[in-house]
Amino acid sequence: MTEKVIWPKREMHLTISKRSCKIVHDVKIKAAYYMQSGIIFYFEAVFDKAVNHFWEALTLYEEIGDSVTVASCNLLIGESNRKLGNLDQSLAYFEKALDIYRKLGRRKGNGHGYGEYRHHL
């Protein structure tokens, strides 16, 4: 079992970020909030919440048109699903990320994606 990481300022970070999203109606700020809170939930081993937050970030980054971060979100959703035991969903997200990295010609992203993808083989 994965040991949960204790974030001393977790609640403060999530509360401030959530308030900022409500005050400032900027898609980039909301996307960053969901990405960062997803990372917090991932490292706390709360993978179902991490998936939800990464998925929200993914949707917003697609709207913005930030392909690199969309690929990163797909990898993080894939990895979170892998931790939850949802291997078919995990594999689908890894493949989406790899497709994006290939289209962008980003070899570094491909290496990271293949490293995650290897867990399924």
PDB file of N, CA and C in Angstrom:
ATOM      1  N   MET A   1       0.844  -1.187   0.000  1.00  0.00           N
ATOM      2  CA  MET A   1       0.000   0.000   0.000  1.00  0.00           C
ATOM      3  C   MET A   1       0.878   1.236   0.000  1.00  0.00           C
ATOM      4  N   THR A   2       0.479   2.224  -0.766  1.00  0.00           N
ATOM      5  CA  THR A   2       1.238   3.466  -0.857  1.00  0.00           C
ATOM      6  C   THR A   2       1.012   4.285   0.395  1.00  0.00           C
ATOM      7  N   GLU A   3       2.100   4.778   0.961  1.00  0.00           N
ATOM      8  CA  GLU A   3       2.005   5.597   2.153  1.00  0.00           C
ATOM      9  C   GLU A   3       1.546   6.990   1.770  1.00  0.00           C
ATOM     10  N   LYS A   4       0.577   7.528   2.500  1.00  0.00           N
ATOM     11  CA  LYS A   4       0.067   8.856   2.200  1.00  0.00           C
ATOM     12  C   LYS A   4       1.068   9.922   2.634  1.00  0.00           C
ATOM     13  N   VAL A   5       1.211  10.910   1.781  1.00  0.00           N
ATOM     14  CA  VAL A   5       2.086  12.034   2.085  1.00  0.00           C
ATOM     15  C   VAL A   5       1.252  13.091   2.791  1.00  0.00           C
ATOM     16  N   ILE A   6       1.775  13.629   3.859  1.00  0.00           N
ATOM     17  CA  ILE A   6       1.074  14.672   4.597  1.00  0.00           C
ATOM     18  C   ILE A   6       1.549  16.029   4.088  1.00  0.00           C
ATOM     19  N   TRP A   7       0.616  16.814   3.576  1.00  0.00           N
ATOM     20  CA  TRP A   7       0.922  18.166   3.091  1.00  0.00           C
ATOM     21  C   TRP A   7       0.476  19.128   4.183  1.00  0.00           C
ATOM     22  N   PRO A   8       1.414  19.744   4.911  1.00  0.00           N
ATOM     23  CA  PRO A   8       1.033  20.592   6.034  1.00  0.00           C
ATOM     24  C   PRO A   8       0.102  21.746   5.645  1.00  0.00           C
ATOM     25  N   LYS A   9       0.272  22.303   4.449  1.00  0.00           N
ATOM     26  CA  LYS A   9      -0.540  23.454   4.047  1.00  0.00           C
ATOM     27  C   LYS A   9      -1.568  23.075   2.981  1.00  0.00           C
ATOM     28  N   ARG A  10      -1.913  21.796   2.930  1.00  0.00           N
ATOM     29  CA  ARG A  10      -2.828  21.290   1.910  1.00  0.00           C
ATOM     30  C   ARG A  10      -4.159  22.032   1.901  1.00  0.00           C
ATOM     31  N   GLU A  11      -4.814  22.091   3.039  1.00  0.00           N
ATOM     32  CA  GLU A  11      -6.131  22.732   3.115  1.00  0.00           C
ATOM     33  C   GLU A  11      -6.056  24.202   2.746  1.00  0.00           C
ATOM     34  N   MET A  12      -5.010  24.882   3.222  1.00  0.00           N
ATOM     35  CA  MET A  12      -4.850  26.292   2.895  1.00  0.00           C
ATOM     36  C   MET A  12      -4.688  26.463   1.379  1.00  0.00           C
ATOM     37  N   HIS A  13      -3.849  25.628   0.768  1.00  0.00           N
ATOM     38  CA  HIS A  13      -3.611  25.710  -0.674  1.00  0.00           C
ATOM     39  C   HIS A  13      -4.895  25.477  -1.451  1.00  0.00           C
ATOM     40  N   LEU A  14      -5.623  24.423  -1.109  1.00  0.00           N
ATOM     41  CA  LEU A  14      -6.849  24.102  -1.832  1.00  0.00           C
ATOM     42  C   LEU A  14      -7.910  25.177  -1.646  1.00  0.00           C
ATOM     43  N   THR A  15      -8.026  25.726  -0.436  1.00  0.00           N
ATOM     44  CA  THR A  15      -9.025  26.763  -0.170  1.00  0.00           C
ATOM     45  C   THR A  15      -8.710  28.040  -0.931  1.00  0.00           C
ATOM     46  N   ILE A  16      -7.458  28.480  -0.882  1.00  0.00           N
ATOM     47  CA  ILE A  16      -7.062  29.697  -1.595  1.00  0.00           C
ATOM     48  C   ILE A  16      -7.234  29.512  -3.099  1.00  0.00           C
ATOM     49  N   SER A  17      -6.820  28.372  -3.614  1.00  0.00           N
ATOM     50  CA  SER A  17      -6.940  28.119  -5.043  1.00  0.00           C
ATOM     51  C   SER A  17      -8.399  28.095  -5.482  1.00  0.00           C
ATOM     52  N   LYS A  18      -9.246  27.471  -4.681  1.00  0.00           N
ATOM     53  CA  LYS A  18     -10.662  27.383  -5.029  1.00  0.00           C
ATOM     54  C   LYS A  18     -11.302  28.772  -5.008  1.00  0.00           C
ATOM     55  N   ARG A  19     -10.956  29.574  -4.018  1.00  0.00           N
ATOM     56  CA  ARG A  19     -11.492  30.946  -3.949  1.00  0.00           C
ATOM     57  C   ARG A  19     -11.012  31.760  -5.146  1.00  0.00           C
ATOM     58  N   SER A  20      -9.758  31.587  -5.519  1.00  0.00           N
ATOM     59  CA  SER A  20      -9.220  32.310  -6.673  1.00  0.00           C
ATOM     60  C   SER A  20      -9.990  31.954  -7.934  1.00  0.00           C
ATOM     61  N   CYS A  21     -10.344  30.698  -8.087  1.00  0.00           N
ATOM     62  CA  CYS A  21     -11.115  30.258  -9.260  1.00  0.00           C
ATOM     63  C   CYS A  21     -12.475  30.934  -9.302  1.00  0.00           C
ATOM     64  N   LYS A  22     -13.094  31.111  -8.138  1.00  0.00           N
ATOM     65  CA  LYS A  22     -14.416  31.730  -8.098  1.00  0.00           C
ATOM     66  C   LYS A  22     -14.334  33.229  -8.362  1.00  0.00           C
ATOM     67  N   ILE A  23     -13.276  33.871  -7.867  1.00  0.00           N
ATOM     68  CA  ILE A  23     -13.135  35.314  -8.019  1.00  0.00           C
ATOM     69  C   ILE A  23     -12.690  35.662  -9.438  1.00  0.00           C
ATOM     70  N   VAL A  24     -11.664  35.000  -9.911  1.00  0.00           N
ATOM     71  CA  VAL A  24     -11.110  35.280 -11.223  1.00  0.00           C
ATOM     72  C   VAL A  24     -11.640  34.219 -12.187  1.00  0.00           C
ATOM     73  N   HIS A  25     -12.358  34.643 -13.176  1.00  0.00           N
ATOM     74  CA  HIS A  25     -12.949  33.700 -14.127  1.00  0.00           C
ATOM     75  C   HIS A  25     -11.997  33.490 -15.297  1.00  0.00           C
ATOM     76  N   ASP A  26     -10.804  33.069 -14.981  1.00  0.00           N
ATOM     77  CA  ASP A  26      -9.763  32.840 -15.985  1.00  0.00           C
ATOM     78  C   ASP A  26      -9.572  31.339 -16.132  1.00  0.00           C
ATOM     79  N   VAL A  27      -9.715  30.837 -17.343  1.00  0.00           N
ATOM     80  CA  VAL A  27      -9.615  29.410 -17.604  1.00  0.00           C
ATOM     81  C   VAL A  27      -8.235  28.880 -17.224  1.00  0.00           C
ATOM     82  N   LYS A  28      -7.187  29.666 -17.464  1.00  0.00           N
ATOM     83  CA  LYS A  28      -5.826  29.206 -17.136  1.00  0.00           C
ATOM     84  C   LYS A  28      -5.647  29.010 -15.642  1.00  0.00           C
ATOM     85  N   ILE A  29      -6.221  29.899 -14.841  1.00  0.00           N
ATOM     86  CA  ILE A  29      -6.109  29.773 -13.385  1.00  0.00           C
ATOM     87  C   ILE A  29      -6.881  28.538 -12.912  1.00  0.00           C
ATOM     88  N   LYS A  30      -8.073  28.339 -13.472  1.00  0.00           N
ATOM     89  CA  LYS A  30      -8.860  27.157 -13.088  1.00  0.00           C
ATOM     90  C   LYS A  30      -8.132  25.879 -13.489  1.00  0.00           C
ATOM     91  N   ALA A  31      -7.554  25.866 -14.675  1.00  0.00           N
ATOM     92  CA  ALA A  31      -6.822  24.684 -15.134  1.00  0.00           C
ATOM     93  C   ALA A  31      -5.645  24.393 -14.207  1.00  0.00           C
ATOM     94  N   ALA A  32      -4.909  25.442 -13.834  1.00  0.00           N
ATOM     95  CA  ALA A  32      -3.763  25.267 -12.935  1.00  0.00           C
ATOM     96  C   ALA A  32      -4.215  24.778 -11.564  1.00  0.00           C
ATOM     97  N   TYR A  33      -5.355  25.288 -11.080  1.00  0.00           N
ATOM     98  CA  TYR A  33      -5.891  24.821  -9.798  1.00  0.00           C
ATOM     99  C   TYR A  33      -6.178  23.326  -9.839  1.00  0.00           C
ATOM    100  N   TYR A  34      -6.883  22.888 -10.884  1.00  0.00           N
ATOM    101  CA  TYR A  34      -7.231  21.471 -10.974  1.00  0.00           C
ATOM    102  C   TYR A  34      -5.987  20.602 -11.130  1.00  0.00           C
ATOM    103  N   MET A  35      -5.021  21.076 -11.881  1.00  0.00           N
ATOM    104  CA  MET A  35      -3.787  20.304 -12.065  1.00  0.00           C
ATOM    105  C   MET A  35      -3.047  20.159 -10.733  1.00  0.00           C
ATOM    106  N   GLN A  36      -2.871  21.278 -10.025  1.00  0.00           N
ATOM    107  CA  GLN A  36      -2.138  21.237  -8.754  1.00  0.00           C
ATOM    108  C   GLN A  36      -2.880  20.449  -7.686  1.00  0.00           C
ATOM    109  N   SER A  37      -4.191  20.606  -7.621  1.00  0.00           N
ATOM    110  CA  SER A  37      -4.928  19.841  -6.609  1.00  0.00           C
ATOM    111  C   SER A  37      -4.924  18.354  -6.966  1.00  0.00           C
ATOM    112  N   GLY A  38      -4.945  18.050  -8.259  1.00  0.00           N
ATOM    113  CA  GLY A  38      -4.821  16.653  -8.671  1.00  0.00           C
ATOM    114  C   GLY A  38      -3.497  16.054  -8.227  1.00  0.00           C
ATOM    115  N   ILE A  39      -2.435  16.833  -8.359  1.00  0.00           N
ATOM    116  CA  ILE A  39      -1.107  16.375  -7.922  1.00  0.00           C
ATOM    117  C   ILE A  39      -1.086  16.141  -6.414  1.00  0.00           C
ATOM    118  N   ILE A  40      -1.724  17.035  -5.659  1.00  0.00           N
ATOM    119  CA  ILE A  40      -1.798  16.852  -4.200  1.00  0.00           C
ATOM    120  C   ILE A  40      -2.529  15.552  -3.881  1.00  0.00           C
ATOM    121  N   PHE A  41      -3.684  15.343  -4.499  1.00  0.00           N
ATOM    122  CA  PHE A  41      -4.441  14.112  -4.238  1.00  0.00           C
ATOM    123  C   PHE A  41      -3.658  12.876  -4.669  1.00  0.00           C
ATOM    124  N   TYR A  42      -2.927  12.971  -5.786  1.00  0.00           N
ATOM    125  CA  TYR A  42      -2.120  11.838  -6.254  1.00  0.00           C
ATOM    126  C   TYR A  42      -1.076  11.462  -5.204  1.00  0.00           C
ATOM    127  N   PHE A  43      -0.350  12.452  -4.700  1.00  0.00           N
ATOM    128  CA  PHE A  43       0.703  12.157  -3.722  1.00  0.00           C
ATOM    129  C   PHE A  43       0.154  11.777  -2.358  1.00  0.00           C
ATOM    130  N   GLU A  44      -1.112  12.072  -2.115  1.00  0.00           N
ATOM    131  CA  GLU A  44      -1.763  11.610  -0.888  1.00  0.00           C
ATOM    132  C   GLU A  44      -2.423  10.240  -1.099  1.00  0.00           C
ATOM    133  N   ALA A  45      -2.265   9.683  -2.295  1.00  0.00           N
ATOM    134  CA  ALA A  45      -2.829   8.376  -2.658  1.00  0.00           C
ATOM    135  C   ALA A  45      -4.352   8.377  -2.632  1.00  0.00           C
ATOM    136  N   VAL A  46      -4.955   9.517  -2.944  1.00  0.00           N
ATOM    137  CA  VAL A  46      -6.406   9.620  -3.105  1.00  0.00           C
ATOM    138  C   VAL A  46      -6.637   9.678  -4.615  1.00  0.00           C
ATOM    139  N   PHE A  47      -6.455   8.523  -5.250  1.00  0.00           N
ATOM    140  CA  PHE A  47      -6.372   8.471  -6.705  1.00  0.00           C
ATOM    141  C   PHE A  47      -7.690   8.769  -7.420  1.00  0.00           C
ATOM    142  N   ASP A  48      -8.822   8.445  -6.806  1.00  0.00           N
ATOM    143  CA  ASP A  48     -10.098   8.755  -7.457  1.00  0.00           C
ATOM    144  C   ASP A  48     -10.294  10.264  -7.576  1.00  0.00           C
ATOM    145  N   LYS A  49      -9.958  11.001  -6.526  1.00  0.00           N
ATOM    146  CA  LYS A  49     -10.048  12.467  -6.598  1.00  0.00           C
ATOM    147  C   LYS A  49      -8.994  13.025  -7.545  1.00  0.00           C
ATOM    148  N   ALA A  50      -7.823  12.417  -7.555  1.00  0.00           N
ATOM    149  CA  ALA A  50      -6.779  12.865  -8.472  1.00  0.00           C
ATOM    150  C   ALA A  50      -7.262  12.743  -9.916  1.00  0.00           C
ATOM    151  N   VAL A  51      -7.879  11.612 -10.253  1.00  0.00           N
ATOM    152  CA  VAL A  51      -8.400  11.415 -11.612  1.00  0.00           C
ATOM    153  C   VAL A  51      -9.408  12.507 -11.948  1.00  0.00           C
ATOM    154  N   ASN A  52     -10.331  12.779 -11.034  1.00  0.00           N
ATOM    155  CA  ASN A  52     -11.350  13.811 -11.287  1.00  0.00           C
ATOM    156  C   ASN A  52     -10.723  15.177 -11.536  1.00  0.00           C
ATOM    157  N   HIS A  53      -9.745  15.528 -10.738  1.00  0.00           N
ATOM    158  CA  HIS A  53      -9.114  16.843 -10.883  1.00  0.00           C
ATOM    159  C   HIS A  53      -8.255  16.907 -12.149  1.00  0.00           C
ATOM    160  N   PHE A  54      -7.527  15.833 -12.453  1.00  0.00           N
ATOM    161  CA  PHE A  54      -6.748  15.827 -13.689  1.00  0.00           C
ATOM    162  C   PHE A  54      -7.670  15.883 -14.906  1.00  0.00           C
ATOM    163  N   TRP A  55      -8.830  15.236 -14.818  1.00  0.00           N
ATOM    164  CA  TRP A  55      -9.766  15.261 -15.931  1.00  0.00           C
ATOM    165  C   TRP A  55     -10.319  16.669 -16.145  1.00  0.00           C
ATOM    166  N   GLU A  56     -10.629  17.370 -15.048  1.00  0.00           N
ATOM    167  CA  GLU A  56     -11.082  18.769 -15.154  1.00  0.00           C
ATOM    168  C   GLU A  56      -9.988  19.634 -15.782  1.00  0.00           C
ATOM    169  N   ALA A  57      -8.749  19.430 -15.335  1.00  0.00           N
ATOM    170  CA  ALA A  57      -7.621  20.181 -15.904  1.00  0.00           C
ATOM    171  C   ALA A  57      -7.473  19.862 -17.388  1.00  0.00           C
ATOM    172  N   LEU A  58      -7.584  18.596 -17.737  1.00  0.00           N
ATOM    173  CA  LEU A  58      -7.482  18.172 -19.135  1.00  0.00           C
ATOM    174  C   LEU A  58      -8.501  18.903 -19.999  1.00  0.00           C
ATOM    175  N   THR A  59      -9.746  18.940 -19.554  1.00  0.00           N
ATOM    176  CA  THR A  59     -10.812  19.608 -20.293  1.00  0.00           C
ATOM    177  C   THR A  59     -10.493  21.086 -20.511  1.00  0.00           C
ATOM    178  N   LEU A  60     -10.011  21.745 -19.463  1.00  0.00           N
ATOM    179  CA  LEU A  60      -9.690  23.171 -19.566  1.00  0.00           C
ATOM    180  C   LEU A  60      -8.466  23.417 -20.443  1.00  0.00           C
ATOM    181  N   TYR A  61      -7.449  22.578 -20.317  1.00  0.00           N
ATOM    182  CA  TYR A  61      -6.257  22.755 -21.156  1.00  0.00           C
ATOM    183  C   TYR A  61      -6.562  22.468 -22.629  1.00  0.00           C
ATOM    184  N   GLU A  62      -7.512  21.575 -22.892  1.00  0.00           N
ATOM    185  CA  GLU A  62      -7.949  21.368 -24.281  1.00  0.00           C
ATOM    186  C   GLU A  62      -8.615  22.639 -24.813  1.00  0.00           C
ATOM    187  N   GLU A  63      -9.422  23.270 -23.968  1.00  0.00           N
ATOM    188  CA  GLU A  63     -10.092  24.518 -24.341  1.00  0.00           C
ATOM    189  C   GLU A  63      -9.070  25.623 -24.629  1.00  0.00           C
ATOM    190  N   ILE A  64      -8.026  25.676 -23.830  1.00  0.00           N
ATOM    191  CA  ILE A  64      -6.964  26.673 -24.003  1.00  0.00           C
ATOM    192  C   ILE A  64      -6.150  26.374 -25.258  1.00  0.00           C
ATOM    193  N   GLY A  65      -5.975  25.090 -25.543  1.00  0.00           N
ATOM    194  CA  GLY A  65      -5.158  24.680 -26.684  1.00  0.00           C
ATOM    195  C   GLY A  65      -3.718  24.387 -26.316  1.00  0.00           C
ATOM    196  N   ASP A  66      -3.477  24.031 -25.057  1.00  0.00           N
ATOM    197  CA  ASP A  66      -2.133  23.720 -24.565  1.00  0.00           C
ATOM    198  C   ASP A  66      -1.885  22.217 -24.705  1.00  0.00           C
ATOM    199  N   SER A  67      -1.411  21.810 -25.876  1.00  0.00           N
ATOM    200  CA  SER A  67      -1.258  20.385 -26.191  1.00  0.00           C
ATOM    201  C   SER A  67      -0.274  19.664 -25.276  1.00  0.00           C
ATOM    202  N   VAL A  68       0.801  20.321 -24.901  1.00  0.00           N
ATOM    203  CA  VAL A  68       1.808  19.680 -24.048  1.00  0.00           C
ATOM    204  C   VAL A  68       1.193  19.334 -22.690  1.00  0.00           C
ATOM    205  N   THR A  69       0.445  20.261 -22.117  1.00  0.00           N
ATOM    206  CA  THR A  69      -0.165  20.000 -20.812  1.00  0.00           C
ATOM    207  C   THR A  69      -1.325  19.022 -20.936  1.00  0.00           C
ATOM    208  N   VAL A  70      -2.014  19.029 -22.072  1.00  0.00           N
ATOM    209  CA  VAL A  70      -3.056  18.020 -22.315  1.00  0.00           C
ATOM    210  C   VAL A  70      -2.422  16.628 -22.282  1.00  0.00           C
ATOM    211  N   ALA A  71      -1.264  16.480 -22.915  1.00  0.00           N
ATOM    212  CA  ALA A  71      -0.558  15.195 -22.889  1.00  0.00           C
ATOM    213  C   ALA A  71      -0.166  14.830 -21.456  1.00  0.00           C
ATOM    214  N   SER A  72       0.329  15.800 -20.694  1.00  0.00           N
ATOM    215  CA  SER A  72       0.705  15.549 -19.299  1.00  0.00           C
ATOM    216  C   SER A  72      -0.508  15.113 -18.475  1.00  0.00           C
ATOM    217  N   CYS A  73      -1.639  15.770 -18.689  1.00  0.00           N
ATOM    218  CA  CYS A  73      -2.869  15.386 -17.979  1.00  0.00           C
ATOM    219  C   CYS A  73      -3.258  13.955 -18.310  1.00  0.00           C
ATOM    220  N   ASN A  74      -3.147  13.593 -19.590  1.00  0.00           N
ATOM    221  CA  ASN A  74      -3.456  12.223 -19.984  1.00  0.00           C
ATOM    222  C   ASN A  74      -2.539  11.232 -19.274  1.00  0.00           C
ATOM    223  N   LEU A  75      -1.264  11.556 -19.179  1.00  0.00           N
ATOM    224  CA  LEU A  75      -0.335  10.660 -18.465  1.00  0.00           C
ATOM    225  C   LEU A  75      -0.710  10.533 -16.993  1.00  0.00           C
ATOM    226  N   LEU A  76      -1.048  11.667 -16.365  1.00  0.00           N
ATOM    227  CA  LEU A  76      -1.389  11.640 -14.944  1.00  0.00           C
ATOM    228  C   LEU A  76      -2.704  10.890 -14.695  1.00  0.00           C
ATOM    229  N   ILE A  77      -3.670  11.051 -15.595  1.00  0.00           N
ATOM    230  CA  ILE A  77      -4.916  10.287 -15.470  1.00  0.00           C
ATOM    231  C   ILE A  77      -4.618   8.802 -15.658  1.00  0.00           C
ATOM    232  N   GLY A  78      -3.773   8.496 -16.630  1.00  0.00           N
ATOM    233  CA  GLY A  78      -3.388   7.109 -16.865  1.00  0.00           C
ATOM    234  C   GLY A  78      -2.696   6.493 -15.665  1.00  0.00           C
ATOM    235  N   GLU A  79      -1.769   7.237 -15.087  1.00  0.00           N
ATOM    236  CA  GLU A  79      -1.038   6.720 -13.925  1.00  0.00           C
ATOM    237  C   GLU A  79      -1.960   6.560 -12.717  1.00  0.00           C
ATOM    238  N   SER A  80      -2.867   7.518 -12.505  1.00  0.00           N
ATOM    239  CA  SER A  80      -3.812   7.417 -11.386  1.00  0.00           C
ATOM    240  C   SER A  80      -4.741   6.233 -11.571  1.00  0.00           C
ATOM    241  N   ASN A  81      -5.215   6.029 -12.800  1.00  0.00           N
ATOM    242  CA  ASN A  81      -6.065   4.860 -13.069  1.00  0.00           C
ATOM    243  C   ASN A  81      -5.300   3.562 -12.869  1.00  0.00           C
ATOM    244  N   ARG A  82      -4.016   3.561 -13.222  1.00  0.00           N
ATOM    245  CA  ARG A  82      -3.194   2.364 -12.995  1.00  0.00           C
ATOM    246  C   ARG A  82      -3.127   2.055 -11.503  1.00  0.00           C
ATOM    247  N   LYS A  83      -2.954   3.087 -10.695  1.00  0.00           N
ATOM    248  CA  LYS A  83      -2.892   2.883  -9.236  1.00  0.00           C
ATOM    249  C   LYS A  83      -4.225   2.372  -8.691  1.00  0.00           C
ATOM    250  N   LEU A  84      -5.328   2.751  -9.356  1.00  0.00           N
ATOM    251  CA  LEU A  84      -6.655   2.279  -8.945  1.00  0.00           C
ATOM    252  C   LEU A  84      -6.967   0.884  -9.465  1.00  0.00           C
ATOM    253  N   GLY A  85      -6.097   0.374 -10.351  1.00  0.00           N
ATOM    254  CA  GLY A  85      -6.314  -0.947 -10.920  1.00  0.00           C
ATOM    255  C   GLY A  85      -7.155  -0.943 -12.188  1.00  0.00           C
ATOM    256  N   ASN A  86      -7.445   0.240 -12.716  1.00  0.00           N
ATOM    257  CA  ASN A  86      -8.233   0.376 -13.943  1.00  0.00           C
ATOM    258  C   ASN A  86      -7.280   0.356 -15.140  1.00  0.00           C
ATOM    259  N   LEU A  87      -6.763  -0.813 -15.465  1.00  0.00           N
ATOM    260  CA  LEU A  87      -5.692  -0.912 -16.456  1.00  0.00           C
ATOM    261  C   LEU A  87      -6.136  -0.571 -17.873  1.00  0.00           C
ATOM    262  N   ASP A  88      -7.350  -0.928 -18.251  1.00  0.00           N
ATOM    263  CA  ASP A  88      -7.824  -0.595 -19.599  1.00  0.00           C
ATOM    264  C   ASP A  88      -7.935   0.915 -19.779  1.00  0.00           C
ATOM    265  N   GLN A  89      -8.516   1.596 -18.792  1.00  0.00           N
ATOM    266  CA  GLN A  89      -8.619   3.058 -18.853  1.00  0.00           C
ATOM    267  C   GLN A  89      -7.231   3.685 -18.831  1.00  0.00           C
ATOM    268  N   SER A  90      -6.372   3.149 -17.990  1.00  0.00           N
ATOM    269  CA  SER A  90      -5.013   3.655 -17.880  1.00  0.00           C
ATOM    270  C   SER A  90      -4.302   3.591 -19.227  1.00  0.00           C
ATOM    271  N   LEU A  91      -4.377   2.453 -19.852  1.00  0.00           N
ATOM    272  CA  LEU A  91      -3.729   2.251 -21.144  1.00  0.00           C
ATOM    273  C   LEU A  91      -4.263   3.219 -22.199  1.00  0.00           C
ATOM    274  N   ALA A  92      -5.570   3.444 -22.203  1.00  0.00           N
ATOM    275  CA  ALA A  92      -6.178   4.363 -23.175  1.00  0.00           C
ATOM    276  C   ALA A  92      -5.624   5.782 -23.007  1.00  0.00           C
ATOM    277  N   TYR A  93      -5.456   6.228 -21.768  1.00  0.00           N
ATOM    278  CA  TYR A  93      -4.924   7.578 -21.528  1.00  0.00           C
ATOM    279  C   TYR A  93      -3.445   7.665 -21.868  1.00  0.00           C
ATOM    280  N   PHE A  94      -2.684   6.611 -21.574  1.00  0.00           N
ATOM    281  CA  PHE A  94      -1.275   6.604 -21.965  1.00  0.00           C
ATOM    282  C   PHE A  94      -1.137   6.708 -23.484  1.00  0.00           C
ATOM    283  N   GLU A  95      -1.969   5.970 -24.202  1.00  0.00           N
ATOM    284  CA  GLU A  95      -1.911   6.007 -25.663  1.00  0.00           C
ATOM    285  C   GLU A  95      -2.281   7.383 -26.210  1.00  0.00           C
ATOM    286  N   LYS A  96      -3.276   8.053 -25.591  1.00  0.00           N
ATOM    287  CA  LYS A  96      -3.629   9.415 -26.007  1.00  0.00           C
ATOM    288  C   LYS A  96      -2.440  10.352 -25.814  1.00  0.00           C
ATOM    289  N   ALA A  97      -1.776  10.228 -24.678  1.00  0.00           N
ATOM    290  CA  ALA A  97      -0.615  11.088 -24.401  1.00  0.00           C
ATOM    291  C   ALA A  97       0.492  10.842 -25.421  1.00  0.00           C
ATOM    292  N   LEU A  98       0.764   9.584 -25.703  1.00  0.00           N
ATOM    293  CA  LEU A  98       1.809   9.256 -26.677  1.00  0.00           C
ATOM    294  C   LEU A  98       1.483   9.802 -28.060  1.00  0.00           C
ATOM    295  N   ASP A  99       0.217   9.717 -28.454  1.00  0.00           N
ATOM    296  CA  ASP A  99      -0.188  10.261 -29.752  1.00  0.00           C
ATOM    297  C   ASP A  99       0.067  11.763 -29.824  1.00  0.00           C
ATOM    298  N   ILE A 100      -0.265  12.457 -28.749  1.00  0.00           N
ATOM    299  CA  ILE A 100      -0.049  13.908 -28.715  1.00  0.00           C
ATOM    300  C   ILE A 100       1.445  14.216 -28.796  1.00  0.00           C
ATOM    301  N   TYR A 101       2.253  13.516 -27.995  1.00  0.00           N
ATOM    302  CA  TYR A 101       3.693  13.759 -28.014  1.00  0.00           C
ATOM    303  C   TYR A 101       4.283  13.475 -29.395  1.00  0.00           C
ATOM    304  N   ARG A 102       3.814  12.417 -30.046  1.00  0.00           N
ATOM    305  CA  ARG A 102       4.311  12.102 -31.392  1.00  0.00           C
ATOM    306  C   ARG A 102       3.962  13.218 -32.372  1.00  0.00           C
ATOM    307  N   LYS A 103       2.713  13.694 -32.328  1.00  0.00           N
ATOM    308  CA  LYS A 103       2.281  14.770 -33.222  1.00  0.00           C
ATOM    309  C   LYS A 103       3.083  16.046 -33.004  1.00  0.00           C
ATOM    310  N   LEU A 104       3.473  16.278 -31.757  1.00  0.00           N
ATOM    311  CA  LEU A 104       4.254  17.471 -31.434  1.00  0.00           C
ATOM    312  C   LEU A 104       5.741  17.279 -31.713  1.00  0.00           C
ATOM    313  N   GLY A 105       6.156  16.036 -31.968  1.00  0.00           N
ATOM    314  CA  GLY A 105       7.569  15.749 -32.199  1.00  0.00           C
ATOM    315  C   GLY A 105       8.410  15.878 -30.942  1.00  0.00           C
ATOM    316  N   ARG A 106       7.798  15.615 -29.793  1.00  0.00           N
ATOM    317  CA  ARG A 106       8.500  15.737 -28.502  1.00  0.00           C
ATOM    318  C   ARG A 106       9.014  14.378 -28.073  1.00  0.00           C
ATOM    319  N   ARG A 107      10.299  14.176 -28.270  1.00  0.00           N
ATOM    320  CA  ARG A 107      10.895  12.889 -27.909  1.00  0.00           C
ATOM    321  C   ARG A 107      10.937  12.704 -26.403  1.00  0.00           C
ATOM    322  N   LYS A 108      11.152  13.786 -25.652  1.00  0.00           N
ATOM    323  CA  LYS A 108      11.198  13.673 -24.199  1.00  0.00           C
ATOM    324  C   LYS A 108       9.858  13.159 -23.671  1.00  0.00           C
ATOM    325  N   GLY A 109       8.771  13.706 -24.176  1.00  0.00           N
ATOM    326  CA  GLY A 109       7.448  13.250 -23.762  1.00  0.00           C
ATOM    327  C   GLY A 109       7.223  11.799 -24.129  1.00  0.00           C
ATOM    328  N   ASN A 110       7.694  11.405 -25.301  1.00  0.00           N
ATOM    329  CA  ASN A 110       7.550  10.010 -25.712  1.00  0.00           C
ATOM    330  C   ASN A 110       8.241   9.082 -24.733  1.00  0.00           C
ATOM    331  N   GLY A 111       9.426   9.429 -24.294  1.00  0.00           N
ATOM    332  CA  GLY A 111      10.164   8.588 -23.348  1.00  0.00           C
ATOM    333  C   GLY A 111       9.415   8.434 -22.047  1.00  0.00           C
ATOM    334  N   HIS A 112       8.860   9.541 -21.553  1.00  0.00           N
ATOM    335  CA  HIS A 112       8.102   9.475 -20.305  1.00  0.00           C
ATOM    336  C   HIS A 112       6.866   8.597 -20.505  1.00  0.00           C
ATOM    337  N   GLY A 113       6.180   8.810 -21.611  1.00  0.00           N
ATOM    338  CA  GLY A 113       4.979   8.030 -21.886  1.00  0.00           C
ATOM    339  C   GLY A 113       5.266   6.553 -22.023  1.00  0.00           C
ATOM    340  N   TYR A 114       6.351   6.221 -22.723  1.00  0.00           N
ATOM    341  CA  TYR A 114       6.698   4.808 -22.873  1.00  0.00           C
ATOM    342  C   TYR A 114       7.077   4.200 -21.528  1.00  0.00           C
ATOM    343  N   GLY A 115       7.702   4.972 -20.671  1.00  0.00           N
ATOM    344  CA  GLY A 115       8.046   4.468 -19.346  1.00  0.00           C
ATOM    345  C   GLY A 115       6.793   4.104 -18.564  1.00  0.00           C
ATOM    346  N   GLU A 116       5.748   4.950 -18.644  1.00  0.00           N
ATOM    347  CA  GLU A 116       4.488   4.670 -17.964  1.00  0.00           C
ATOM    348  C   GLU A 116       3.779   3.502 -18.641  1.00  0.00           C
ATOM    349  N   TYR A 117       3.811   3.474 -19.951  1.00  0.00           N
ATOM    350  CA  TYR A 117       3.143   2.456 -20.746  1.00  0.00           C
ATOM    351  C   TYR A 117       3.715   1.065 -20.441  1.00  0.00           C
ATOM    352  N   ARG A 118       4.991   1.019 -20.143  1.00  0.00           N
ATOM    353  CA  ARG A 118       5.693  -0.231 -19.870  1.00  0.00           C
ATOM    354  C   ARG A 118       5.079  -0.997 -18.688  1.00  0.00           C
ATOM    355  N   HIS A 119       4.453  -0.269 -17.750  1.00  0.00           N
ATOM    356  CA  HIS A 119       3.842  -0.921 -16.600  1.00  0.00           C
ATOM    357  C   HIS A 119       2.763  -1.917 -17.004  1.00  0.00           C
ATOM    358  N   HIS A 120       2.174  -1.718 -18.177  1.00  0.00           N
ATOM    359  CA  HIS A 120       1.072  -2.570 -18.617  1.00  0.00           C
ATOM    360  C   HIS A 120       1.549  -3.822 -19.332  1.00  0.00           C
ATOM    361  N   LEU A 121       2.814  -3.860 -19.713  1.00  0.00           N
ATOM    362  CA  LEU A 121       3.301  -4.986 -20.512  1.00  0.00           C
ATOM    363  C   LEU A 121       3.733  -6.152 -19.637  1.00  0.00           C
TER     364      LEU A 121
END
